[in-house]
């Protein structure tokens, strides 16, 4: 059994000090629904065939905005001898294993610091088993599940190198993973509600109308009824804010594309210098560093770094 410090070991380590004040973005609906420990435990049991009954056995260790913007994790928790990272994605991202590697490395750093373990000693350091699952309801995925490998990113390809990190992607669009949906009612409700919104958009409804209509339909059918009746305004705001956020970064990208050369000259960057800076920012974002930290390390104006980061985010969403 892996012993854990009651003082929230995941807050130890240099990464937490960098990120503890960076809490600017709202939770997405998926995380909102599963913030309740009982629902999260139900999801865990459905995935693993386990029968845990006490939600207090589940220790939530979610880090907020660990990686800038869309790369933040949705929820993480420990139960038994496992540390579980669950994320939700609506746009395809092949870099999830890399994100998982960075995340678990940070969590293990905090755990080792809290226990004062000696990794240079003769005794093997015991660690919880990492499990990484992504719940995907975007387009383009066929089948119920897919396993992504970190080694696919290596120049020599899958199976090469001295390390591996896998990420299991589960398709939670309507019509997929029937057995899982039957075992976890809340996940099925989320899938149905999301599908209703997308179906309404396909019918030509504007987003706000599509969400309103989906809410009324689901309430009538008893889907997420407890949430949609009591917290309808909050859920509506949450969803529309998420859409607006994506639209905002696409707008920033278009504006940056139109004025990029002019702005590059104004801030004293040649084309080659700007490309180099862009590469450096991308690498540091992937490591979970915030805009102020990146600006300080690169000795650049934070506004310049923020504009580059927004452009990178918009490109990943397109």
Protein backbone atom coordinates (compact mmCIF):
# COMPACT_ATOMS: atom_id res chain seq x y z
CA UNK A 1 0.00 0.00 0.00
CA UNK A 2 1.35 3.42 -0.97
CA UNK A 3 1.33 5.76 2.01
CA UNK A 4 0.14 9.31 1.43
CA UNK A 5 0.72 12.45 3.43
CA UNK A 6 -2.55 14.01 4.57
CA UNK A 7 -1.15 17.45 3.75
CA UNK A 8 -2.06 17.15 0.08
CA UNK A 9 1.26 15.93 -1.29
CA UNK A 10 0.34 17.02 -4.80
CA UNK A 11 0.90 20.64 -3.78
CA UNK A 12 4.57 20.06 -3.10
CA UNK A 13 7.24 20.65 -5.70
CA UNK A 14 8.37 23.54 -7.87
CA UNK A 15 5.57 23.08 -10.42
CA UNK A 16 2.89 23.88 -7.82
CA UNK A 17 4.56 27.13 -6.77
CA UNK A 18 4.59 28.23 -10.40
CA UNK A 19 0.93 27.42 -10.95
CA UNK A 20 -0.97 28.03 -7.73
CA UNK A 21 -2.12 31.53 -8.79
CA UNK A 22 -3.04 30.59 -12.36
CA UNK A 23 -6.77 29.76 -12.03
CA UNK A 24 -8.32 31.85 -14.75
CA UNK A 25 -10.43 29.37 -16.68
CA UNK A 26 -13.77 27.83 -15.81
CA UNK A 27 -14.36 24.13 -15.41
CA UNK A 28 -15.88 22.47 -18.44
CA UNK A 29 -19.18 20.68 -18.04
CA UNK A 30 -17.60 17.23 -17.85
CA UNK A 31 -15.49 18.16 -14.86
CA UNK A 32 -18.42 20.00 -13.30
CA UNK A 33 -20.58 16.89 -13.43
CA UNK A 34 -17.92 14.60 -11.99
CA UNK A 35 -16.68 16.88 -9.25
CA UNK A 36 -19.06 14.98 -7.00
CA UNK A 37 -17.00 12.16 -5.47
CA UNK A 38 -19.86 9.67 -5.71
CA UNK A 39 -20.24 10.21 -9.46
CA UNK A 40 -16.47 10.04 -9.92
CA UNK A 41 -16.35 6.81 -7.91
CA UNK A 42 -19.19 5.38 -10.02
CA UNK A 43 -17.20 6.19 -13.15
CA UNK A 44 -14.09 4.54 -11.73
CA UNK A 45 -16.03 1.40 -10.77
CA UNK A 46 -17.63 1.25 -14.23
CA UNK A 47 -14.24 1.42 -15.92
CA UNK A 48 -12.48 -1.06 -13.67
CA UNK A 49 -15.19 -3.51 -12.68
CA UNK A 50 -14.55 -2.62 -9.03
CA UNK A 51 -17.12 -2.26 -6.26
CA UNK A 52 -15.87 0.59 -4.09
CA UNK A 53 -18.74 2.03 -2.05
CA UNK A 54 -17.22 4.78 0.08
CA UNK A 55 -16.46 7.98 -1.87
CA UNK A 56 -14.06 9.04 0.88
CA UNK A 57 -11.67 6.30 -0.23
CA UNK A 58 -11.13 8.42 -3.33
CA UNK A 59 -8.61 11.24 -2.85
CA UNK A 60 -8.97 13.97 -5.44
CA UNK A 61 -5.62 15.44 -6.47
CA UNK A 62 -6.63 17.54 -9.47
CA UNK A 63 -4.22 20.27 -10.52
CA UNK A 64 -5.88 23.28 -12.10
CA UNK A 65 -4.38 24.80 -15.25
CA UNK A 66 -1.29 22.61 -14.99
CA UNK A 67 -0.61 23.18 -18.66
CA UNK A 68 -1.69 26.42 -20.28
CA UNK A 69 -5.26 26.77 -21.55
CA UNK A 70 -6.73 23.64 -23.18
CA UNK A 71 -3.96 21.45 -21.83
CA UNK A 72 -5.11 21.65 -18.24
CA UNK A 73 -6.20 18.37 -16.75
CA UNK A 74 -9.83 17.74 -15.88
CA UNK A 75 -9.57 15.50 -12.83
CA UNK A 76 -7.11 13.32 -11.05
CA UNK A 77 -7.52 11.14 -8.01
CA UNK A 78 -5.96 8.34 -6.04
CA UNK A 79 -7.73 5.21 -4.91
CA UNK A 80 -6.15 1.99 -3.77
CA UNK A 81 -2.67 1.89 -5.27
CA UNK A 82 -3.48 3.85 -8.43
CA UNK A 83 -3.29 7.48 -9.45
CA UNK A 84 -5.87 8.17 -12.14
CA UNK A 85 -5.92 11.02 -14.62
CA UNK A 86 -9.24 11.51 -16.44
CA UNK A 87 -9.55 14.14 -19.15
CA UNK A 88 -12.27 15.17 -21.55
CA UNK A 89 -11.53 16.20 -25.14
CA UNK A 90 -13.81 17.45 -27.90
CA UNK A 91 -10.99 18.12 -30.38
CA UNK A 92 -8.48 15.48 -31.41
CA UNK A 93 -5.01 15.75 -29.91
CA UNK A 94 -2.35 13.09 -30.61
CA UNK A 95 -0.07 14.51 -27.90
CA UNK A 96 -2.05 13.22 -24.92
CA UNK A 97 0.62 10.64 -23.91
CA UNK A 98 3.21 13.41 -23.72
CA UNK A 99 0.89 15.48 -21.58
CA UNK A 100 0.32 12.47 -19.36
CA UNK A 101 4.06 11.93 -18.96
CA UNK A 102 4.58 15.54 -17.86
CA UNK A 103 1.62 15.40 -15.52
CA UNK A 104 2.56 12.17 -13.75
CA UNK A 105 6.17 13.31 -13.43
CA UNK A 106 4.94 16.41 -11.61
CA UNK A 107 2.65 14.40 -9.37
CA UNK A 108 5.42 11.96 -8.48
CA UNK A 109 7.69 14.91 -7.69
CA UNK A 110 5.16 16.14 -5.17
CA UNK A 111 4.67 12.68 -3.68
CA UNK A 112 8.41 12.10 -3.23
CA UNK A 113 8.84 15.52 -1.61
CA UNK A 114 6.01 14.93 0.86
CA UNK A 115 7.41 11.54 1.92
CA UNK A 116 11.04 12.68 1.86
CA UNK A 117 11.94 9.61 -0.20
CA UNK A 118 15.55 9.02 -1.18
CA UNK A 119 15.71 8.09 -4.85
CA UNK A 120 19.49 7.56 -4.53
CA UNK A 121 19.16 4.97 -1.77
CA UNK A 122 19.29 1.18 -1.96
CA UNK A 123 15.60 0.72 -1.24
CA UNK A 124 13.13 0.83 -4.14
CA UNK A 125 10.76 3.80 -3.95
CA UNK A 126 7.14 2.66 -4.12
CA UNK A 127 4.81 4.60 -6.43
CA UNK A 128 1.10 4.41 -7.21
CA UNK A 129 0.31 2.91 -10.62
CA UNK A 130 -0.58 5.67 -13.12
CA UNK A 131 -3.74 5.29 -15.25
CA UNK A 132 -4.57 7.82 -17.97
CA UNK A 133 -7.95 7.92 -19.73
CA UNK A 134 -9.37 10.49 -22.13
CA UNK A 135 -13.12 10.71 -22.73
CA UNK A 136 -13.57 11.92 -26.31
CA UNK A 137 -16.78 13.25 -27.85
CA UNK A 138 -15.39 15.03 -30.89
CA UNK A 139 -15.53 13.92 -34.52
CA UNK A 140 -13.45 11.49 -36.53
CA UNK A 141 -13.00 8.65 -34.05
CA UNK A 142 -14.30 5.26 -35.11
CA UNK A 143 -14.76 2.47 -32.61
CA UNK A 144 -15.11 2.44 -28.85
CA UNK A 145 -11.51 2.97 -27.81
CA UNK A 146 -7.99 3.70 -29.00
CA UNK A 147 -4.61 3.44 -27.28
CA UNK A 148 -2.12 6.25 -27.88
CA UNK A 149 1.61 5.75 -27.27
CA UNK A 150 4.24 8.28 -26.31
CA UNK A 151 6.80 6.43 -28.43
CA UNK A 152 4.80 7.31 -31.55
CA UNK A 153 6.29 10.78 -31.09
CA UNK A 154 9.87 9.47 -31.07
CA UNK A 155 11.83 9.74 -34.29
CA UNK A 156 12.35 5.96 -34.32
CA UNK A 157 8.65 5.26 -33.81
CA UNK A 158 6.51 3.12 -31.52
CA UNK A 159 8.35 0.84 -29.15
CA UNK A 160 11.63 2.70 -29.45
CA UNK A 161 13.44 4.60 -26.72
CA UNK A 162 13.76 3.90 -23.02
CA UNK A 163 10.34 5.11 -21.85
CA UNK A 164 6.66 4.76 -22.66
CA UNK A 165 3.43 6.39 -21.58
CA UNK A 166 0.06 5.27 -22.88
CA UNK A 167 -3.29 7.00 -22.96
CA UNK A 168 -6.56 5.17 -23.53
CA UNK A 169 -9.08 7.24 -25.48
CA UNK A 170 -12.73 6.26 -24.96
CA UNK A 171 -15.34 7.33 -27.47
CA UNK A 172 -18.29 8.74 -25.51
CA UNK A 173 -20.32 9.93 -28.47
CA UNK A 174 -23.86 8.63 -28.66
CA UNK A 175 -23.89 5.00 -29.81
CA UNK A 176 -20.46 4.02 -28.50
CA UNK A 177 -19.27 2.11 -25.42
CA UNK A 178 -22.73 0.79 -24.56
CA UNK A 179 -21.54 -1.39 -21.66
CA UNK A 180 -19.71 1.51 -20.02
CA UNK A 181 -22.70 3.82 -20.44
CA UNK A 182 -24.98 1.26 -18.83
CA UNK A 183 -22.68 0.99 -15.83
CA UNK A 184 -22.23 4.74 -15.36
CA UNK A 185 -25.53 6.58 -15.74
CA UNK A 186 -24.00 10.03 -15.28
CA UNK A 187 -21.59 9.46 -18.17
CA UNK A 188 -24.50 8.36 -20.38
CA UNK A 189 -26.41 11.50 -19.40
CA UNK A 190 -23.46 13.68 -20.33
CA UNK A 191 -23.14 11.90 -23.68
CA UNK A 192 -26.83 12.36 -24.44
CA UNK A 193 -26.86 16.02 -23.47
CA UNK A 194 -23.76 16.78 -25.58
CA UNK A 195 -25.25 14.89 -28.52
CA UNK A 196 -28.49 16.84 -28.26
CA UNK A 197 -26.57 20.11 -28.50
CA UNK A 198 -24.60 18.98 -31.54
CA UNK A 199 -27.73 17.64 -33.26
CA UNK A 200 -29.46 20.98 -32.75
CA UNK A 201 -26.49 22.84 -34.22
CA UNK A 202 -26.57 20.54 -37.26
CA UNK A 203 -30.23 21.50 -37.69
CA UNK A 204 -29.16 25.10 -38.13
CA UNK A 205 -29.76 26.46 -34.63
CA UNK A 206 -27.44 29.09 -33.22
CA UNK A 207 -25.39 27.86 -30.28
CA UNK A 208 -27.42 29.53 -27.55
CA UNK A 209 -30.68 28.26 -29.03
CA UNK A 210 -29.15 24.80 -29.47
CA UNK A 211 -28.12 24.66 -25.82
CA UNK A 212 -31.47 25.98 -24.55
CA UNK A 213 -33.37 23.46 -26.66
CA UNK A 214 -31.11 20.59 -25.56
CA UNK A 215 -31.68 21.55 -21.93
CA UNK A 216 -35.47 21.53 -22.32
CA UNK A 217 -35.36 18.20 -24.18
CA UNK A 218 -33.15 16.56 -21.59
CA UNK A 219 -35.20 17.85 -18.66
CA UNK A 220 -38.30 16.39 -20.29
CA UNK A 221 -36.52 13.04 -20.77
CA UNK A 222 -35.07 13.05 -17.25
CA UNK A 223 -31.48 13.44 -18.48
CA UNK A 224 -29.34 15.50 -16.07
CA UNK A 225 -32.63 16.71 -14.68
CA UNK A 226 -31.20 17.29 -11.19
CA UNK A 227 -28.51 19.60 -12.58
CA UNK A 228 -30.42 21.33 -15.37
CA UNK A 229 -33.39 22.33 -13.23
CA UNK A 230 -31.47 23.61 -10.21
CA UNK A 231 -28.45 25.08 -12.01
CA UNK A 232 -29.70 25.75 -15.52
CA UNK A 233 -28.29 29.28 -15.75
CA UNK A 234 -24.89 28.15 -14.47
CA UNK A 235 -24.65 25.28 -16.95
CA UNK A 236 -25.75 27.52 -19.82
CA UNK A 237 -23.15 30.12 -18.93
CA UNK A 238 -20.49 27.44 -18.59
CA UNK A 239 -21.13 25.99 -22.04
CA UNK A 240 -21.44 29.32 -23.85
CA UNK A 241 -18.32 30.64 -22.13
CA UNK A 242 -16.40 27.63 -23.42
CA UNK A 243 -17.61 28.31 -26.97
CA UNK A 244 -16.80 32.00 -26.63
CA UNK A 245 -13.30 31.17 -25.38
CA UNK A 246 -12.59 29.12 -28.49
CA UNK A 247 -14.02 31.86 -30.70
CA UNK A 248 -11.90 34.45 -28.90
CA UNK A 249 -8.64 32.62 -29.57
CA UNK A 250 -9.53 32.02 -33.21
CA UNK A 251 -10.12 35.78 -33.51
CA UNK A 252 -6.75 36.49 -31.90
CA UNK A 253 -5.15 34.09 -34.38
CA UNK A 254 -6.72 35.83 -37.38
CA UNK A 255 -5.72 39.26 -36.10
CA UNK A 256 -2.22 38.03 -35.36
CA UNK A 257 -1.93 36.57 -38.85
CA UNK A 258 -2.98 39.86 -40.44
CA UNK A 259 -0.72 42.06 -38.34
CA UNK A 260 2.04 39.62 -37.45
CA UNK A 261 4.70 41.06 -39.75
CA UNK A 262 3.97 44.60 -38.62
CA UNK A 263 3.98 43.64 -34.94
CA UNK A 264 7.14 41.61 -35.41
CA UNK A 265 8.92 44.68 -36.72
CA UNK A 266 7.50 46.87 -33.93
CA UNK A 267 8.82 44.58 -31.20
CA UNK A 268 12.14 44.26 -32.94
CA UNK A 269 11.85 40.66 -34.08
CA UNK A 270 13.06 39.48 -37.45
CA UNK A 271 11.22 36.58 -39.09
CA UNK A 272 13.83 34.06 -38.00
CA UNK A 273 13.88 35.43 -34.45
CA UNK A 274 10.09 35.28 -34.26
CA UNK A 275 10.01 31.63 -35.40
CA UNK A 276 12.66 30.72 -32.85
CA UNK A 277 10.70 32.45 -30.09
CA UNK A 278 7.54 30.65 -31.16
CA UNK A 279 9.32 27.29 -30.88
CA UNK A 280 10.65 28.16 -27.43
CA UNK A 281 7.20 29.25 -26.20
CA UNK A 282 5.61 26.06 -27.52
CA UNK A 283 8.13 23.89 -25.71
CA UNK A 284 7.68 25.75 -22.42
CA UNK A 285 3.87 25.64 -22.65
CA UNK A 286 4.09 21.88 -23.13
CA UNK A 287 6.12 21.74 -19.90
CA UNK A 288 3.27 23.42 -18.03
CA UNK A 289 4.83 26.85 -17.62
CA UNK A 290 2.64 29.95 -17.35
CA UNK A 291 2.89 33.12 -19.45
CA UNK A 292 4.65 35.22 -16.76
CA UNK A 293 7.20 32.44 -16.12
CA UNK A 294 7.89 31.99 -19.84
CA UNK A 295 8.27 35.74 -20.33
CA UNK A 296 10.72 35.92 -17.43
CA UNK A 297 12.80 32.97 -18.62
CA UNK A 298 12.97 34.25 -22.21
CA UNK A 299 13.36 37.88 -21.11
CA UNK A 300 10.48 38.96 -23.33
CA UNK A 301 7.42 41.17 -22.91
CA UNK A 302 4.54 39.11 -21.39
CA UNK A 303 2.17 40.58 -24.00
CA UNK A 304 4.35 39.18 -26.77
CA UNK A 305 4.38 35.74 -25.13
CA UNK A 306 0.62 35.85 -24.55
CA UNK A 307 0.00 36.68 -28.22
CA UNK A 308 2.19 33.79 -29.38
CA UNK A 309 0.50 31.42 -26.91
CA UNK A 310 -2.94 32.50 -28.12
CA UNK A 311 -1.89 31.86 -31.71
CA UNK A 312 -0.63 28.38 -30.82
CA UNK A 313 -3.85 27.59 -28.99
CA UNK A 314 -6.02 28.78 -31.87
CA UNK A 315 -4.03 26.67 -34.32
CA UNK A 316 -4.52 23.56 -32.17
CA UNK A 317 -8.28 24.20 -32.16
CA UNK A 318 -8.60 24.72 -35.91
